[in-house]
Amino acid sequence: MPLKKIEKKILSGKRLTSEDALACFESSDIFTLGRLANHVAQKLNGNNAYFVQNHHINPTNICVNRCKFCAFSKSRGDKGAYEMSIKDIVKKLKGQVGQRKGTKTAGTAKLRHKGTEGFSEVHIVGGLHPDWGLDHYVEILQKIKEHFPSLHIKAFTAVEIDYFAKISGLSLKNTLTALKNAGLESMPGGGAEIFNARVRNKICPEKINAGKWLKVMETAHSVGIKTNATMLYGHLEKYKHRVEHMLKLRNLQDKTGGFQAFIPLAFHPKNTNIDNAQYTSGIDDLKTIAISRLFLDNFPHIKAYWIMLGAKIAQLALCFGADDLDGTIVEEKITKSAGALSGSAMTKSELINLIEKAGKVPVERDSFYQALTK
């Protein structure tokens, strides 16, 4: 069997090489990959499958960049361009979030939204607005913390952080420290896309390069900010580029230990400028999840981001190495702009149902993967 040597490595706890990972991608034995990935996931996290009750805020889609794969960004004056004021952001959260009382777990909040019992996290990412300075983003964090002190703020991609540093004239470390002092508690993993320079220059030439993305994340980890990491796949890249991407992440994680989860992001082609692009297949989605679990042995969690995969493939991914479905994801706009085939939000009960029917144990978590008390 082509995967026999790799299977022996995995079962004996040995680290896979890049050549091993590429062989896995080139294999059609999806069931062996899934079985092995599920074995690794269970060694790390038991039979648990995590979810978080979170709310997305995308403050603006006005952006100085024009990445070909992005269907979200607009220029000022374009049809559909928008920007939320800080008052708008607070008002939106006020309409949905009220402090949860009587809980033993700190850092939680309650959202009055159909079928949910309480949000613990707000997730903030948006365009690189040409007129907003670092002070504006600092104030966003401060105002949210002022009104919702126990709500965890996960915000700003590495691309945004680099942009904030440039417009402020501060170092990356000082930029991140200013944001942390204002309320930033963790960062998402967006903006990584694909690290290979040739492919990256075709899909997002204006975006920071791989080295800078990794540098931002290393700096975030150095100041005590945990982050996630992503990989956008299914556009112009080849399997070898995916392996190259994951190897760079694995190397940085060996150095800092600051990544919490890896999130493979399935490319969505609608309204993008990638010629002849198609949606990814379910087989490719599951294979990518499984191999990421096998190769990224130092990442605690692999996330099946249901809003990009769709609920049913994300559910299957829980049997292929993933241990996290993300969350309720209320009002996410970026993937929807690119033609997401999933819904725009999911209730807590719906997430629990998906997890239980996959034979896993649902665990509502906070932003650091601590189980929330009921």
Protein backbone atom coordinates (compact mmCIF):
# COMPACT_ATOMS: atom_id res chain seq x y z
CA MET A 1 0.00 0.00 0.00
CA PRO A 2 1.37 3.47 -0.94
CA LEU A 3 0.52 4.91 2.50
CA LYS A 4 1.84 1.97 4.53
CA LYS A 5 5.16 3.58 5.49
CA ILE A 6 3.42 6.84 6.33
CA GLU A 7 0.90 4.99 8.45
CA LYS A 8 3.70 3.34 10.44
CA LYS A 9 5.26 6.75 11.05
CA ILE A 10 2.00 8.22 12.27
CA LEU A 11 1.14 5.32 14.57
CA SER A 12 4.62 5.46 16.09
CA GLY A 13 4.36 9.22 16.65
CA LYS A 14 7.05 10.20 14.17
CA ARG A 15 6.91 13.55 12.35
CA LEU A 16 5.96 13.49 8.67
CA THR A 17 8.28 15.03 6.10
CA SER A 18 7.21 17.32 3.29
CA GLU A 19 7.62 14.35 0.94
CA ASP A 20 5.24 12.34 3.11
CA ALA A 21 2.65 15.11 3.04
CA LEU A 22 2.91 15.41 -0.74
CA ALA A 23 2.47 11.64 -1.07
CA CYS A 24 -0.69 11.93 1.02
CA PHE A 25 -2.07 14.64 -1.26
CA GLU A 26 -1.31 12.52 -4.32
CA SER A 27 -2.95 9.44 -2.80
CA SER A 28 -6.54 8.57 -3.64
CA ASP A 29 -6.91 6.56 -0.43
CA ILE A 30 -9.09 9.13 1.30
CA PHE A 31 -10.39 6.60 3.84
CA THR A 32 -6.94 5.69 5.18
CA LEU A 33 -6.08 9.39 5.43
CA GLY A 34 -9.29 10.02 7.32
CA ARG A 35 -8.76 7.10 9.67
CA LEU A 36 -5.22 8.18 10.49
CA ALA A 37 -6.18 11.83 10.93
CA ASN A 38 -9.04 10.87 13.24
CA HIS A 39 -6.56 8.77 15.25
CA VAL A 40 -4.26 11.77 15.68
CA ALA A 41 -7.14 14.11 16.55
CA GLN A 42 -8.39 11.74 19.22
CA LYS A 43 -4.92 11.45 20.74
CA LEU A 44 -4.80 15.24 21.04
CA ASN A 45 -8.38 16.11 22.00
CA GLY A 46 -10.21 12.89 22.70
CA ASN A 47 -13.61 12.65 21.06
CA ASN A 48 -14.30 16.34 21.62
CA ALA A 49 -15.50 18.69 18.89
CA TYR A 50 -15.38 22.34 19.87
CA PHE A 51 -17.51 25.32 18.97
CA VAL A 52 -17.76 28.93 20.11
CA GLN A 53 -20.67 31.33 20.15
CA ASN A 54 -19.25 34.25 18.22
CA HIS A 55 -20.38 37.27 16.28
CA HIS A 56 -18.53 38.70 13.29
CA ILE A 57 -18.11 42.41 12.69
CA ASN A 58 -16.65 43.53 9.35
CA PRO A 59 -16.29 47.30 9.95
CA THR A 60 -15.69 48.22 6.30
CA ASN A 61 -15.23 46.69 2.88
CA ILE A 62 -13.39 49.78 1.61
CA CYS A 63 -9.82 48.64 0.99
CA VAL A 64 -6.64 49.99 -0.57
CA ASN A 65 -5.84 46.50 -1.95
CA ARG A 66 -7.47 44.72 -4.87
CA CYS A 67 -6.73 41.03 -4.46
CA LYS A 68 -8.01 38.95 -7.40
CA PHE A 69 -9.48 36.26 -5.20
CA CYS A 70 -11.39 38.75 -3.01
CA ALA A 71 -15.03 39.53 -3.69
CA PHE A 72 -15.42 41.63 -0.55
CA SER A 73 -13.25 44.72 -1.09
CA LYS A 74 -14.53 47.95 -2.64
CA SER A 75 -13.24 51.44 -3.34
CA ARG A 76 -14.93 54.46 -1.84
CA GLY A 77 -17.89 55.35 -4.03
CA ASP A 78 -18.31 51.83 -5.44
CA LYS A 79 -21.75 50.30 -5.33
CA GLY A 80 -22.00 48.32 -2.12
CA ALA A 81 -19.10 50.08 -0.39
CA TYR A 82 -19.74 50.72 3.30
CA GLU A 83 -18.07 51.79 6.52
CA MET A 84 -19.39 51.40 10.03
CA SER A 85 -18.81 54.11 12.57
CA ILE A 86 -17.71 53.12 16.06
CA LYS A 87 -21.20 54.05 17.24
CA ASP A 88 -22.61 51.68 14.58
CA ILE A 89 -20.46 48.84 15.87
CA VAL A 90 -21.39 49.41 19.50
CA LYS A 91 -25.06 49.82 18.59
CA LYS A 92 -25.06 46.55 16.65
CA LEU A 93 -23.53 44.71 19.57
CA LYS A 94 -25.84 46.44 22.05
CA GLY A 95 -28.80 45.18 20.10
CA GLN A 96 -27.57 41.63 20.48
CA VAL A 97 -25.23 41.35 23.43
CA GLY A 98 -25.98 41.76 27.12
CA GLN A 99 -23.74 40.61 29.92
CA ARG A 100 -24.41 37.04 31.01
CA LYS A 101 -25.14 36.81 34.71
CA GLY A 102 -24.83 33.93 37.09
CA THR A 103 -22.08 32.08 35.21
CA LYS A 104 -18.95 30.70 36.80
CA THR A 105 -16.90 31.29 33.65
CA ALA A 106 -15.36 34.69 33.02
CA GLY A 107 -15.19 36.18 29.57
CA THR A 108 -18.68 35.30 28.41
CA ALA A 109 -21.60 37.34 27.16
CA LYS A 110 -25.16 36.77 26.12
CA LEU A 111 -26.60 37.32 22.66
CA ARG A 112 -30.32 37.58 22.17
CA HIS A 113 -30.41 35.86 18.82
CA LYS A 114 -32.68 33.03 17.73
CA GLY A 115 -31.82 29.85 19.57
CA THR A 116 -28.56 31.00 21.15
CA GLU A 117 -27.75 31.33 24.82
CA GLY A 118 -24.66 33.49 24.98
CA PHE A 119 -21.85 34.92 22.88
CA SER A 120 -18.34 34.89 24.27
CA GLU A 121 -16.39 36.31 21.31
CA VAL A 122 -16.57 39.10 18.76
CA HIS A 123 -14.49 38.55 15.62
CA ILE A 124 -13.42 41.72 13.77
CA VAL A 125 -11.75 41.86 10.35
CA GLY A 126 -12.23 44.24 7.44
CA GLY A 127 -10.70 46.14 4.56
CA LEU A 128 -7.63 48.37 4.78
CA HIS A 129 -9.47 51.66 4.96
CA PRO A 130 -7.50 54.53 3.35
CA ASP A 131 -8.62 57.14 5.89
CA TRP A 132 -8.70 55.33 9.23
CA GLY A 133 -5.63 55.66 11.43
CA LEU A 134 -4.41 53.34 14.18
CA ASP A 135 -6.19 55.54 16.74
CA HIS A 136 -9.50 54.64 15.11
CA TYR A 137 -8.90 50.92 15.55
CA VAL A 138 -7.69 51.44 19.11
CA GLU A 139 -10.91 53.30 19.84
CA ILE A 140 -13.00 50.48 18.35
CA LEU A 141 -11.43 48.07 20.82
CA GLN A 142 -11.72 50.47 23.73
CA LYS A 143 -15.39 51.20 23.11
CA ILE A 144 -16.27 47.53 22.81
CA LYS A 145 -14.45 46.79 26.06
CA GLU A 146 -16.10 49.79 27.72
CA HIS A 147 -19.57 48.51 26.90
CA PHE A 148 -18.88 44.76 27.01
CA PRO A 149 -15.90 44.20 29.34
CA SER A 150 -16.25 40.41 29.43
CA LEU A 151 -16.57 39.92 25.66
CA HIS A 152 -13.41 38.44 24.14
CA ILE A 153 -12.10 40.42 21.16
CA LYS A 154 -10.45 38.44 18.39
CA ALA A 155 -9.51 40.93 15.72
CA PHE A 156 -7.36 41.97 12.77
CA THR A 157 -5.44 39.79 10.36
CA ALA A 158 -1.67 40.00 9.95
CA VAL A 159 -2.31 42.07 6.82
CA GLU A 160 -4.29 44.60 8.84
CA ILE A 161 -1.66 44.72 11.59
CA ASP A 162 1.10 45.40 9.03
CA TYR A 163 -1.05 48.17 7.52
CA PHE A 164 -1.68 49.73 10.95
CA ALA A 165 2.07 49.76 11.60
CA LYS A 166 2.76 51.47 8.28
CA ILE A 167 0.15 54.19 8.66
CA SER A 168 1.14 54.86 12.28
CA GLY A 169 4.89 54.76 11.81
CA LEU A 170 5.20 52.36 14.74
CA SER A 171 7.03 49.04 14.85
CA LEU A 172 5.01 45.85 14.64
CA LYS A 173 5.67 45.20 18.32
CA ASN A 174 4.52 48.65 19.42
CA THR A 175 1.47 48.48 17.15
CA LEU A 176 0.43 45.13 18.60
CA THR A 177 1.12 46.30 22.14
CA ALA A 178 -1.08 49.37 21.64
CA LEU A 179 -3.91 47.20 20.35
CA LYS A 180 -3.44 44.67 23.15
CA ASN A 181 -3.59 47.43 25.75
CA ALA A 182 -6.84 48.63 24.15
CA GLY A 183 -8.50 45.22 24.40
CA LEU A 184 -7.17 42.95 21.64
CA GLU A 185 -6.94 39.44 23.10
CA SER A 186 -6.32 37.15 20.13
CA MET A 187 -6.01 37.30 16.34
CA PRO A 188 -7.57 35.33 13.49
CA GLY A 189 -5.35 33.67 10.91
CA GLY A 190 -6.53 35.43 7.76
CA GLY A 191 -4.34 36.94 5.07
CA ALA A 192 -2.00 33.95 4.82
CA GLU A 193 -3.68 32.82 1.58
CA ILE A 194 -0.85 30.76 0.01
CA PHE A 195 2.78 31.49 0.81
CA ASN A 196 4.37 30.49 -2.49
CA ALA A 197 5.61 33.75 -4.00
CA ARG A 198 4.73 33.01 -7.64
CA VAL A 199 1.16 32.00 -6.85
CA ARG A 200 0.75 34.76 -4.26
CA ASN A 201 1.86 37.37 -6.78
CA LYS A 202 -0.86 36.18 -9.16
CA ILE A 203 -3.76 36.21 -6.71
CA CYS A 204 -2.83 39.03 -4.31
CA PRO A 205 0.24 40.98 -5.47
CA GLU A 206 -0.60 43.99 -3.29
CA LYS A 207 -0.83 41.95 -0.10
CA ILE A 208 2.13 41.50 2.24
CA ASN A 209 4.41 38.59 1.35
CA ALA A 210 4.74 35.35 3.26
CA GLY A 211 7.77 36.51 5.21
CA LYS A 212 5.98 39.57 6.52
CA TRP A 213 2.84 37.59 7.41
CA LEU A 214 4.94 35.17 9.41
CA LYS A 215 6.84 38.04 11.03
CA VAL A 216 3.61 39.69 12.19
CA MET A 217 2.46 36.42 13.72
CA GLU A 218 5.80 35.79 15.40
CA THR A 219 5.68 39.28 16.87
CA ALA A 220 2.10 38.80 18.06
CA HIS A 221 3.13 35.60 19.81
CA SER A 222 6.09 37.39 21.41
CA VAL A 223 3.78 39.95 23.07
CA GLY A 224 1.39 37.29 24.34
CA ILE A 225 -1.29 37.37 21.63
CA LYS A 226 -2.43 33.92 20.53
CA THR A 227 -3.41 33.58 16.87
CA ASN A 228 -4.79 31.17 14.32
CA ALA A 229 -3.33 30.37 10.91
CA THR A 230 -5.05 29.79 7.58
CA MET A 231 -4.37 28.50 4.08
CA LEU A 232 -6.51 29.37 1.07
CA TYR A 233 -6.61 26.43 -1.33
CA GLY A 234 -8.37 25.47 -4.53
CA HIS A 235 -7.39 28.43 -6.76
CA LEU A 236 -4.07 28.43 -8.69
CA GLU A 237 -1.88 26.55 -6.25
CA LYS A 238 -0.64 22.96 -6.54
CA TYR A 239 -0.32 20.33 -3.83
CA LYS A 240 3.37 21.14 -3.37
CA HIS A 241 2.46 24.74 -2.57
CA ARG A 242 0.07 23.60 0.15
CA VAL A 243 2.81 21.48 1.71
CA GLU A 244 5.29 24.36 1.48
CA HIS A 245 2.75 26.62 3.18
CA MET A 246 2.09 24.22 6.03
CA LEU A 247 5.80 23.57 6.56
CA LYS A 248 6.42 27.29 7.15
CA LEU A 249 3.61 27.33 9.70
CA ARG A 250 4.92 24.22 11.42
CA ASN A 251 8.40 25.72 11.64
CA LEU A 252 7.09 28.93 13.22
CA GLN A 253 4.94 26.97 15.66
CA ASP A 254 8.03 25.01 16.70
CA LYS A 255 9.62 28.37 17.52
CA THR A 256 6.78 30.23 19.26
CA GLY A 257 3.95 27.83 20.14
CA GLY A 258 1.55 30.73 19.60
CA PHE A 259 -0.83 29.22 17.05
CA GLN A 260 -4.04 27.76 18.44
CA ALA A 261 -5.68 26.37 15.31
CA PHE A 262 -5.05 25.81 11.63
CA ILE A 263 -7.93 26.59 9.30
CA PRO A 264 -7.84 25.39 5.67
CA LEU A 265 -10.05 27.80 3.72
CA ALA A 266 -11.77 26.45 0.62
CA PHE A 267 -11.63 28.98 -2.22
CA HIS A 268 -14.96 30.47 -3.31
CA PRO A 269 -14.84 31.77 -6.90
CA LYS A 270 -18.00 33.84 -7.28
CA ASN A 271 -17.36 37.56 -7.95
CA THR A 272 -13.58 37.06 -7.95
CA ASN A 273 -11.09 37.67 -10.78
CA ILE A 274 -9.51 34.21 -10.89
CA ASP A 275 -10.03 32.85 -14.41
CA ASN A 276 -11.76 29.47 -14.76
CA ALA A 277 -11.92 29.06 -11.00
CA GLN A 278 -14.26 26.45 -9.55
CA TYR A 279 -15.53 25.53 -6.12
CA THR A 280 -13.41 22.91 -4.36
CA SER A 281 -14.64 19.32 -4.24
CA GLY A 282 -15.72 17.55 -1.09
CA ILE A 283 -12.92 15.03 -1.56
CA ASP A 284 -10.31 17.78 -1.75
CA ASP A 285 -11.78 19.48 1.32
CA LEU A 286 -11.64 16.31 3.41
CA LYS A 287 -8.19 15.36 2.14
CA THR A 288 -6.83 18.81 2.99
CA ILE A 289 -8.30 18.68 6.50
CA ALA A 290 -6.89 15.20 7.09
CA ILE A 291 -3.40 15.97 5.82
CA SER A 292 -3.21 19.19 7.79
CA ARG A 293 -3.98 17.19 10.95
CA LEU A 294 -1.29 14.64 10.09
CA PHE A 295 1.40 17.13 9.07
CA LEU A 296 0.82 19.95 11.58
CA ASP A 297 1.62 17.81 14.59
CA ASN A 298 2.35 20.85 16.78
CA PHE A 299 -1.00 22.58 16.19
CA PRO A 300 -3.48 21.80 18.97
CA HIS A 301 -6.55 22.19 16.77
CA ILE A 302 -7.70 21.85 13.16
CA LYS A 303 -10.79 23.85 12.32
CA ALA A 304 -13.46 22.89 9.79
CA TYR A 305 -14.80 26.35 8.98
CA TRP A 306 -18.38 25.43 8.17
CA ILE A 307 -19.28 28.69 6.51
CA MET A 308 -16.74 27.92 3.76
CA LEU A 309 -17.05 24.13 3.67
CA GLY A 310 -20.80 23.96 4.13
CA ALA A 311 -22.36 22.30 7.16
CA LYS A 312 -22.33 18.73 5.83
CA ILE A 313 -18.70 18.66 4.68
CA ALA A 314 -17.67 20.36 7.93
CA GLN A 315 -19.53 17.66 9.82
CA LEU A 316 -17.71 14.94 7.86
CA ALA A 317 -14.43 16.74 8.53
CA LEU A 318 -14.89 15.92 12.22
CA CYS A 319 -14.20 12.31 11.20
CA PHE A 320 -11.19 13.37 9.09
CA GLY A 321 -9.05 15.08 11.71
CA ALA A 322 -10.90 18.32 12.48
CA ASP A 323 -11.92 18.97 16.08
CA ASP A 324 -13.52 22.42 15.80
CA LEU A 325 -16.43 23.78 13.74
CA ASP A 326 -15.71 27.43 14.66
CA GLY A 327 -19.04 28.79 15.81
CA THR A 328 -22.30 30.59 15.26
CA ILE A 329 -20.53 33.13 12.96
CA VAL A 330 -23.37 35.64 12.92
CA GLU A 331 -23.12 38.23 10.11
CA GLU A 332 -19.92 37.12 8.39
CA LYS A 333 -19.77 39.02 5.08
CA ILE A 334 -16.47 38.18 3.41
CA THR A 335 -17.20 34.60 2.39
CA LYS A 336 -20.78 35.49 1.50
CA SER A 337 -19.45 38.04 -1.01
CA ALA A 338 -17.59 35.24 -2.80
CA GLY A 339 -20.65 33.04 -3.12
CA ALA A 340 -20.68 30.93 0.04
CA LEU A 341 -23.14 28.08 -0.40
CA SER A 342 -23.78 27.81 3.34
CA GLY A 343 -26.10 29.87 5.48
CA SER A 344 -25.02 33.07 7.20
CA ALA A 345 -25.30 31.85 10.80
CA MET A 346 -25.90 28.73 12.85
CA THR A 347 -27.48 28.37 16.26
CA LYS A 348 -25.89 26.60 19.21
CA SER A 349 -28.42 23.79 18.99
CA GLU A 350 -27.69 23.30 15.28
CA LEU A 351 -23.95 23.06 15.96
CA ILE A 352 -24.52 20.57 18.76
CA ASN A 353 -26.75 18.48 16.51
CA LEU A 354 -24.09 18.36 13.75
CA ILE A 355 -21.41 17.33 16.22
CA GLU A 356 -23.45 14.65 17.97
CA LYS A 357 -24.54 13.09 14.69
CA ALA A 358 -20.88 12.84 13.71
CA GLY A 359 -20.35 10.73 16.83
CA LYS A 360 -18.39 13.43 18.64
CA VAL A 361 -18.84 15.17 21.98
CA PRO A 362 -19.86 18.84 21.61
CA VAL A 363 -17.85 21.22 23.78
CA GLU A 364 -18.71 24.89 23.92
CA ARG A 365 -15.41 26.68 24.36
CA ASP A 366 -14.05 30.13 24.99
CA SER A 367 -11.51 31.72 22.67
CA PHE A 368 -8.64 29.76 24.29
CA TYR A 369 -10.33 26.36 24.03
CA GLN A 370 -11.35 26.23 27.67
CA ALA A 371 -14.71 24.50 28.12
CA LEU A 372 -17.43 26.89 29.28
CA THR A 373 -19.46 25.90 32.31
CA LYS A 374 -23.18 25.54 31.73
